[in-house]
N, C-alpha and C. Protein backbone atom coordinates (compact mmCIF):
# COMPACT_ATOMS: atom_id res chain seq x y z
N MET A 1 28.05 -109.17 54.86
CA MET A 1 26.88 -108.42 54.55
C MET A 1 27.09 -107.66 53.25
N ARG A 2 26.11 -107.68 52.41
CA ARG A 2 26.21 -107.07 51.10
C ARG A 2 25.77 -105.62 51.15
N LYS A 3 26.49 -104.73 50.50
CA LYS A 3 26.15 -103.31 50.48
C LYS A 3 24.93 -103.07 49.64
N HIS A 4 24.24 -102.02 49.96
CA HIS A 4 23.09 -101.61 49.13
C HIS A 4 23.59 -101.22 47.75
N PRO A 5 22.98 -101.74 46.66
CA PRO A 5 23.50 -101.51 45.32
C PRO A 5 23.59 -100.03 44.90
N VAL A 6 22.64 -99.24 45.34
CA VAL A 6 22.70 -97.82 44.97
C VAL A 6 23.88 -97.12 45.61
N SER A 7 24.12 -97.38 46.91
CA SER A 7 25.23 -96.75 47.57
C SER A 7 26.55 -97.26 47.02
N TYR A 8 26.59 -98.53 46.67
CA TYR A 8 27.81 -99.11 46.05
C TYR A 8 28.06 -98.43 44.69
N ASN A 9 27.00 -98.29 43.90
CA ASN A 9 27.15 -97.59 42.59
C ASN A 9 27.57 -96.16 42.79
N ASN A 10 27.03 -95.52 43.79
CA ASN A 10 27.40 -94.13 44.12
C ASN A 10 28.89 -94.08 44.40
N TRP A 11 29.36 -95.02 45.21
CA TRP A 11 30.77 -95.07 45.56
C TRP A 11 31.62 -95.25 44.29
N ARG A 12 31.20 -96.09 43.37
CA ARG A 12 31.93 -96.31 42.15
C ARG A 12 32.00 -95.05 41.32
N VAL A 13 30.93 -94.31 41.30
CA VAL A 13 30.88 -93.01 40.57
C VAL A 13 31.88 -92.04 41.15
N LEU A 14 31.94 -92.01 42.51
CA LEU A 14 32.87 -91.11 43.16
C LEU A 14 34.34 -91.51 42.85
N VAL A 15 34.63 -92.78 42.94
CA VAL A 15 36.00 -93.26 42.69
C VAL A 15 36.43 -92.97 41.24
N ALA A 16 35.49 -93.00 40.30
CA ALA A 16 35.77 -92.74 38.92
C ALA A 16 36.01 -91.23 38.63
N GLY A 17 35.76 -90.37 39.65
CA GLY A 17 36.00 -88.94 39.46
C GLY A 17 34.90 -88.20 38.78
N ALA A 18 33.68 -88.74 38.80
CA ALA A 18 32.57 -88.11 38.09
C ALA A 18 32.18 -86.77 38.63
N VAL A 19 32.35 -86.52 39.90
CA VAL A 19 31.93 -85.24 40.49
C VAL A 19 32.74 -84.09 39.84
N SER A 20 34.01 -84.28 39.71
CA SER A 20 34.84 -83.25 39.12
C SER A 20 34.47 -82.98 37.63
N VAL A 21 34.22 -84.06 36.92
CA VAL A 21 33.81 -83.94 35.53
C VAL A 21 32.46 -83.23 35.42
N LEU A 22 31.52 -83.60 36.26
CA LEU A 22 30.20 -82.96 36.22
C LEU A 22 30.25 -81.50 36.56
N LEU A 23 31.04 -81.15 37.61
CA LEU A 23 31.18 -79.74 37.97
C LEU A 23 31.86 -78.94 36.89
N ASP A 24 32.82 -79.56 36.23
CA ASP A 24 33.51 -78.89 35.10
C ASP A 24 32.51 -78.61 33.96
N LEU A 25 31.62 -79.58 33.71
CA LEU A 25 30.61 -79.39 32.68
C LEU A 25 29.65 -78.22 33.02
N VAL A 26 29.30 -78.12 34.32
CA VAL A 26 28.43 -77.05 34.77
C VAL A 26 29.12 -75.69 34.66
N ARG A 27 30.40 -75.65 34.94
CA ARG A 27 31.20 -74.41 34.81
C ARG A 27 31.45 -74.03 33.38
N SER A 28 31.50 -74.97 32.48
CA SER A 28 31.89 -74.75 31.12
C SER A 28 30.92 -73.82 30.37
N GLY A 29 31.48 -72.96 29.59
CA GLY A 29 30.66 -72.12 28.69
C GLY A 29 30.47 -72.76 27.35
N GLU A 30 31.02 -73.91 27.18
CA GLU A 30 30.94 -74.59 25.85
C GLU A 30 29.86 -75.62 25.71
N VAL A 31 29.15 -75.90 26.79
CA VAL A 31 28.08 -76.88 26.74
C VAL A 31 26.75 -76.17 26.86
N GLY A 32 25.71 -76.85 26.33
CA GLY A 32 24.37 -76.24 26.39
C GLY A 32 23.70 -76.36 27.76
N ASP A 33 22.58 -75.66 27.89
CA ASP A 33 21.84 -75.69 29.14
C ASP A 33 21.35 -77.04 29.50
N GLY A 34 21.01 -77.86 28.52
CA GLY A 34 20.52 -79.21 28.76
C GLY A 34 21.58 -80.08 29.43
N VAL A 35 22.83 -79.99 28.95
CA VAL A 35 23.91 -80.74 29.57
C VAL A 35 24.18 -80.25 30.96
N LYS A 36 24.11 -78.96 31.18
CA LYS A 36 24.32 -78.40 32.52
C LYS A 36 23.21 -78.87 33.45
N ALA A 37 21.96 -78.83 33.00
CA ALA A 37 20.85 -79.28 33.85
C ALA A 37 20.98 -80.77 34.18
N ASP A 38 21.35 -81.56 33.20
CA ASP A 38 21.52 -83.02 33.45
C ASP A 38 22.68 -83.27 34.45
N SER A 39 23.75 -82.47 34.32
CA SER A 39 24.91 -82.60 35.22
C SER A 39 24.48 -82.26 36.63
N ILE A 40 23.74 -81.20 36.78
CA ILE A 40 23.27 -80.83 38.12
C ILE A 40 22.34 -81.87 38.68
N ALA A 41 21.48 -82.43 37.86
CA ALA A 41 20.56 -83.47 38.33
C ALA A 41 21.35 -84.71 38.83
N ILE A 42 22.40 -85.06 38.13
CA ILE A 42 23.24 -86.20 38.57
C ILE A 42 23.97 -85.85 39.84
N LEU A 43 24.47 -84.65 39.94
CA LEU A 43 25.16 -84.19 41.18
C LEU A 43 24.15 -84.22 42.37
N ALA A 44 22.89 -83.86 42.13
CA ALA A 44 21.90 -83.91 43.18
C ALA A 44 21.68 -85.33 43.64
N LYS A 45 21.67 -86.27 42.73
CA LYS A 45 21.49 -87.69 43.07
C LYS A 45 22.72 -88.18 43.86
N ILE A 46 23.92 -87.79 43.44
CA ILE A 46 25.13 -88.19 44.12
C ILE A 46 25.15 -87.64 45.54
N ALA A 47 24.66 -86.40 45.73
CA ALA A 47 24.68 -85.74 47.02
C ALA A 47 23.63 -86.28 47.97
N GLU A 48 22.85 -87.23 47.52
CA GLU A 48 21.90 -87.89 48.47
C GLU A 48 22.62 -88.73 49.50
N TYR A 49 23.86 -89.10 49.19
CA TYR A 49 24.65 -89.93 50.12
C TYR A 49 25.78 -89.08 50.71
N PRO A 50 26.10 -89.35 51.97
CA PRO A 50 27.14 -88.54 52.68
C PRO A 50 28.44 -88.40 51.92
N ASP A 51 28.97 -89.51 51.37
CA ASP A 51 30.23 -89.43 50.64
C ASP A 51 30.12 -88.53 49.38
N GLY A 52 28.98 -88.65 48.73
CA GLY A 52 28.74 -87.83 47.53
C GLY A 52 28.63 -86.35 47.91
N MET A 53 27.93 -86.09 49.01
CA MET A 53 27.78 -84.70 49.49
C MET A 53 29.12 -84.10 49.78
N ILE A 54 29.99 -84.87 50.48
CA ILE A 54 31.33 -84.37 50.80
C ILE A 54 32.11 -84.09 49.53
N SER A 55 32.04 -84.99 48.54
CA SER A 55 32.77 -84.79 47.32
C SER A 55 32.34 -83.53 46.57
N VAL A 56 31.03 -83.31 46.51
CA VAL A 56 30.49 -82.11 45.84
C VAL A 56 30.95 -80.86 46.58
N LEU A 57 30.87 -80.86 47.91
CA LEU A 57 31.26 -79.68 48.71
C LEU A 57 32.75 -79.36 48.54
N ARG A 58 33.56 -80.42 48.59
CA ARG A 58 35.02 -80.21 48.50
C ARG A 58 35.49 -79.64 47.18
N ARG A 59 34.66 -79.81 46.15
CA ARG A 59 35.02 -79.35 44.83
C ARG A 59 34.31 -78.04 44.47
N GLY A 60 33.73 -77.35 45.46
CA GLY A 60 33.15 -76.08 45.23
C GLY A 60 31.72 -76.12 44.68
N GLY A 61 31.06 -77.24 44.83
CA GLY A 61 29.71 -77.38 44.31
C GLY A 61 28.63 -76.47 44.94
N LEU A 62 28.83 -76.12 46.21
CA LEU A 62 27.82 -75.25 46.89
C LEU A 62 27.78 -73.89 46.27
N LYS A 63 28.94 -73.25 46.20
CA LYS A 63 28.98 -71.86 45.62
C LYS A 63 28.59 -71.87 44.13
N LEU A 64 28.98 -72.86 43.41
CA LEU A 64 28.64 -72.95 41.97
C LEU A 64 27.12 -73.11 41.80
N THR A 65 26.52 -73.95 42.64
CA THR A 65 25.09 -74.18 42.55
C THR A 65 24.29 -72.92 42.89
N VAL A 66 24.71 -72.22 43.90
CA VAL A 66 24.05 -70.96 44.30
C VAL A 66 24.16 -69.97 43.18
N LYS A 67 25.32 -69.90 42.55
CA LYS A 67 25.54 -68.92 41.44
C LYS A 67 24.60 -69.25 40.32
N ILE A 68 24.53 -70.51 39.94
CA ILE A 68 23.63 -70.93 38.84
C ILE A 68 22.18 -70.68 39.17
N LEU A 69 21.79 -70.93 40.41
CA LEU A 69 20.40 -70.73 40.85
C LEU A 69 20.04 -69.24 40.76
N SER A 70 20.96 -68.38 41.13
CA SER A 70 20.66 -66.95 41.10
C SER A 70 20.62 -66.39 39.68
N LEU A 71 21.35 -67.03 38.77
CA LEU A 71 21.34 -66.57 37.37
C LEU A 71 20.10 -67.06 36.62
N SER A 72 19.79 -68.25 36.78
CA SER A 72 18.61 -68.86 36.14
C SER A 72 18.06 -69.95 37.04
N THR A 73 16.89 -69.77 37.53
CA THR A 73 16.35 -70.71 38.52
C THR A 73 16.11 -72.05 37.92
N LYS A 74 16.74 -73.03 38.51
CA LYS A 74 16.64 -74.40 38.00
C LYS A 74 16.22 -75.31 39.13
N GLN A 75 15.27 -76.14 38.90
CA GLN A 75 14.76 -77.07 39.88
C GLN A 75 15.89 -78.01 40.36
N HIS A 76 16.76 -78.45 39.45
CA HIS A 76 17.84 -79.36 39.85
C HIS A 76 18.80 -78.68 40.86
N CYS A 77 19.00 -77.38 40.74
CA CYS A 77 19.86 -76.65 41.69
C CYS A 77 19.27 -76.71 43.08
N VAL A 78 17.94 -76.55 43.16
CA VAL A 78 17.26 -76.58 44.47
C VAL A 78 17.42 -77.96 45.08
N VAL A 79 17.24 -79.02 44.28
CA VAL A 79 17.36 -80.37 44.78
C VAL A 79 18.79 -80.64 45.27
N LEU A 80 19.76 -80.17 44.49
CA LEU A 80 21.19 -80.34 44.90
C LEU A 80 21.43 -79.61 46.22
N LEU A 81 21.01 -78.37 46.31
CA LEU A 81 21.22 -77.60 47.54
C LEU A 81 20.53 -78.27 48.73
N LEU A 82 19.31 -78.76 48.52
CA LEU A 82 18.58 -79.42 49.59
C LEU A 82 19.33 -80.66 50.07
N ASN A 83 19.81 -81.46 49.14
CA ASN A 83 20.54 -82.68 49.51
C ASN A 83 21.86 -82.33 50.24
N LEU A 84 22.53 -81.28 49.78
CA LEU A 84 23.74 -80.85 50.44
C LEU A 84 23.47 -80.42 51.88
N CYS A 85 22.34 -79.68 52.08
CA CYS A 85 22.01 -79.20 53.43
C CYS A 85 21.56 -80.38 54.34
N VAL A 86 20.76 -81.25 53.81
CA VAL A 86 20.26 -82.34 54.64
C VAL A 86 21.41 -83.25 55.02
N ASN A 87 22.32 -83.54 54.16
CA ASN A 87 23.44 -84.46 54.45
C ASN A 87 24.63 -83.76 55.10
N GLY A 88 24.76 -82.44 54.85
CA GLY A 88 25.93 -81.70 55.35
C GLY A 88 25.69 -81.06 56.70
N GLY A 89 24.45 -80.93 57.11
CA GLY A 89 24.16 -80.42 58.44
C GLY A 89 24.31 -78.88 58.51
N SER A 90 24.53 -78.48 59.76
CA SER A 90 24.54 -77.05 60.06
C SER A 90 25.68 -76.29 59.41
N ASP A 91 26.81 -76.95 59.15
CA ASP A 91 27.92 -76.24 58.49
C ASP A 91 27.51 -75.79 57.06
N VAL A 92 26.88 -76.74 56.34
CA VAL A 92 26.47 -76.40 54.96
C VAL A 92 25.31 -75.39 54.99
N VAL A 93 24.37 -75.61 55.88
CA VAL A 93 23.21 -74.69 55.99
C VAL A 93 23.71 -73.29 56.36
N GLY A 94 24.68 -73.24 57.28
CA GLY A 94 25.23 -71.95 57.67
C GLY A 94 25.90 -71.23 56.54
N ALA A 95 26.67 -71.96 55.75
CA ALA A 95 27.34 -71.38 54.57
C ALA A 95 26.31 -70.86 53.62
N LEU A 96 25.25 -71.61 53.42
CA LEU A 96 24.22 -71.20 52.46
C LEU A 96 23.44 -70.00 53.01
N ALA A 97 23.17 -69.99 54.30
CA ALA A 97 22.39 -68.91 54.91
C ALA A 97 23.14 -67.57 54.84
N LYS A 98 24.44 -67.62 54.70
CA LYS A 98 25.20 -66.34 54.60
C LYS A 98 25.07 -65.66 53.28
N ASP A 99 24.60 -66.38 52.25
CA ASP A 99 24.47 -65.82 50.91
C ASP A 99 23.15 -65.06 50.84
N PRO A 100 23.20 -63.74 50.65
CA PRO A 100 21.98 -62.95 50.66
C PRO A 100 21.07 -63.20 49.43
N SER A 101 21.60 -63.79 48.35
CA SER A 101 20.81 -63.98 47.18
C SER A 101 19.95 -65.25 47.21
N ILE A 102 20.27 -66.16 48.13
CA ILE A 102 19.64 -67.48 48.12
C ILE A 102 18.12 -67.43 48.34
N VAL A 103 17.68 -66.65 49.32
CA VAL A 103 16.26 -66.61 49.66
C VAL A 103 15.44 -66.04 48.48
N GLY A 104 15.92 -65.00 47.86
CA GLY A 104 15.23 -64.44 46.70
C GLY A 104 15.13 -65.46 45.54
N SER A 105 16.19 -66.16 45.31
CA SER A 105 16.21 -67.18 44.28
C SER A 105 15.21 -68.31 44.58
N LEU A 106 15.16 -68.68 45.89
CA LEU A 106 14.25 -69.73 46.29
C LEU A 106 12.79 -69.29 46.20
N TYR A 107 12.52 -68.02 46.51
CA TYR A 107 11.18 -67.51 46.33
C TYR A 107 10.76 -67.49 44.86
N THR A 108 11.71 -67.20 43.99
CA THR A 108 11.43 -67.21 42.58
C THR A 108 11.04 -68.65 42.11
N VAL A 109 11.83 -69.63 42.55
CA VAL A 109 11.56 -71.00 42.24
C VAL A 109 10.17 -71.42 42.80
N LEU A 110 9.94 -70.95 44.01
CA LEU A 110 8.66 -71.27 44.67
C LEU A 110 7.46 -70.72 43.88
N SER A 111 7.61 -69.53 43.38
CA SER A 111 6.50 -68.89 42.66
C SER A 111 6.39 -69.30 41.22
N ASN A 112 7.52 -69.65 40.61
CA ASN A 112 7.52 -70.02 39.16
C ASN A 112 7.66 -71.47 38.90
N GLY A 113 8.13 -72.25 39.89
CA GLY A 113 8.43 -73.65 39.61
C GLY A 113 7.19 -74.53 39.62
N ASP A 114 7.42 -75.76 39.22
CA ASP A 114 6.34 -76.72 39.25
C ASP A 114 6.16 -77.20 40.69
N CYS A 115 5.24 -78.08 40.90
CA CYS A 115 4.90 -78.52 42.27
C CYS A 115 6.11 -79.10 42.99
N GLY A 116 6.89 -79.97 42.27
CA GLY A 116 8.04 -80.59 42.89
C GLY A 116 9.10 -79.57 43.25
N GLY A 117 9.39 -78.63 42.34
CA GLY A 117 10.41 -77.65 42.59
C GLY A 117 10.00 -76.68 43.71
N GLY A 118 8.69 -76.35 43.73
CA GLY A 118 8.19 -75.47 44.79
C GLY A 118 8.25 -76.10 46.18
N ARG A 119 7.97 -77.38 46.26
CA ARG A 119 8.05 -78.11 47.54
C ARG A 119 9.49 -78.18 48.02
N LYS A 120 10.39 -78.46 47.11
CA LYS A 120 11.83 -78.54 47.47
C LYS A 120 12.36 -77.17 47.91
N ALA A 121 11.96 -76.11 47.18
CA ALA A 121 12.39 -74.76 47.56
C ALA A 121 11.81 -74.38 48.91
N SER A 122 10.56 -74.76 49.17
CA SER A 122 9.96 -74.46 50.45
C SER A 122 10.65 -75.20 51.57
N ALA A 123 11.00 -76.48 51.35
CA ALA A 123 11.74 -77.25 52.35
C ALA A 123 13.08 -76.63 52.61
N LEU A 124 13.77 -76.16 51.60
CA LEU A 124 15.09 -75.57 51.75
C LEU A 124 14.99 -74.26 52.52
N MET A 125 13.97 -73.45 52.20
CA MET A 125 13.77 -72.20 52.93
C MET A 125 13.50 -72.46 54.38
N LYS A 126 12.72 -73.50 54.67
CA LYS A 126 12.42 -73.84 56.08
C LYS A 126 13.70 -74.21 56.81
N ILE A 127 14.59 -74.97 56.19
CA ILE A 127 15.83 -75.37 56.82
C ILE A 127 16.69 -74.10 57.10
N ILE A 128 16.76 -73.22 56.15
CA ILE A 128 17.56 -72.00 56.31
C ILE A 128 16.97 -71.13 57.43
N HIS A 129 15.66 -70.97 57.43
CA HIS A 129 15.02 -70.11 58.48
C HIS A 129 15.18 -70.74 59.86
N GLU A 130 15.05 -72.05 59.98
CA GLU A 130 15.25 -72.71 61.28
C GLU A 130 16.69 -72.55 61.72
N PHE A 131 17.60 -72.62 60.81
CA PHE A 131 19.02 -72.45 61.17
C PHE A 131 19.24 -71.03 61.71
N GLN A 132 18.68 -70.05 61.03
CA GLN A 132 18.82 -68.66 61.43
C GLN A 132 18.22 -68.39 62.79
N GLU A 133 17.11 -69.09 63.08
CA GLU A 133 16.46 -68.90 64.37
C GLU A 133 17.28 -69.53 65.50
N ARG A 134 18.10 -70.56 65.17
CA ARG A 134 18.89 -71.26 66.20
C ARG A 134 20.32 -70.73 66.31
N LYS A 135 20.61 -69.65 65.63
CA LYS A 135 21.97 -69.07 65.69
C LYS A 135 22.44 -68.93 67.11
N ILE A 136 23.73 -69.16 67.34
CA ILE A 136 24.28 -69.02 68.68
C ILE A 136 24.44 -67.53 69.01
N GLU A 137 23.94 -67.14 70.17
CA GLU A 137 24.07 -65.75 70.61
C GLU A 137 25.53 -65.44 70.90
N PRO A 138 25.99 -64.16 70.71
CA PRO A 138 27.38 -63.80 70.90
C PRO A 138 28.03 -64.19 72.22
N GLY A 139 27.29 -64.20 73.33
CA GLY A 139 27.88 -64.49 74.61
C GLY A 139 27.99 -65.97 74.93
N LEU A 140 27.42 -66.84 74.15
CA LEU A 140 27.37 -68.26 74.48
C LEU A 140 28.66 -68.97 74.04
N GLU A 141 28.95 -70.04 74.70
CA GLU A 141 30.15 -70.85 74.40
C GLU A 141 30.02 -71.47 73.04
N ARG A 142 31.01 -71.30 72.15
CA ARG A 142 30.93 -71.81 70.78
C ARG A 142 31.49 -73.21 70.64
N GLY A 143 32.26 -73.71 71.59
CA GLY A 143 32.86 -75.05 71.45
C GLY A 143 31.90 -76.17 71.83
N ARG A 144 30.75 -75.86 72.31
CA ARG A 144 29.75 -76.82 72.74
C ARG A 144 29.05 -77.46 71.57
N PHE A 145 28.79 -78.77 71.62
CA PHE A 145 28.06 -79.48 70.54
C PHE A 145 26.60 -79.16 70.61
N VAL A 146 26.04 -78.76 69.52
CA VAL A 146 24.59 -78.50 69.41
C VAL A 146 24.08 -79.34 68.29
N PRO A 147 23.16 -80.26 68.58
CA PRO A 147 22.59 -81.12 67.50
C PRO A 147 21.88 -80.29 66.45
N ALA A 148 22.09 -80.66 65.15
CA ALA A 148 21.46 -79.90 64.06
C ALA A 148 19.99 -80.25 63.92
N TRP A 149 19.57 -81.41 64.30
CA TRP A 149 18.18 -81.82 64.11
C TRP A 149 17.52 -82.13 65.40
């Protein structure tokens, strides 16, 4: 059986070490905003697949993206965060929900962004709010499996 070409290409990008390079570009103070935005857009595309999401998370992409989003609201950051949450499940959503700055940044994107960015920000806020509503109460058993969706 032949693999889907997009997921195969995504795998090739991961093996080549592109995630580390892209995150380094985003962290760099020596590149322009356009290069950073393009790097985040590529990371968002990579994070559409579980292996890509894992690679971005393991290299600190979640914290970096939240930091960039809070400094200057970027649609690509919202897409990357949404893909990380969708593919990473409750662990990623929980980590994101702990950051007090995220909701304010998402509201800013929602009010200032274009239609696509606003819809993605709204979807991400919904995921975070649903997670917060499903939090485990202090007296409940924590080792029990609870489906995220």
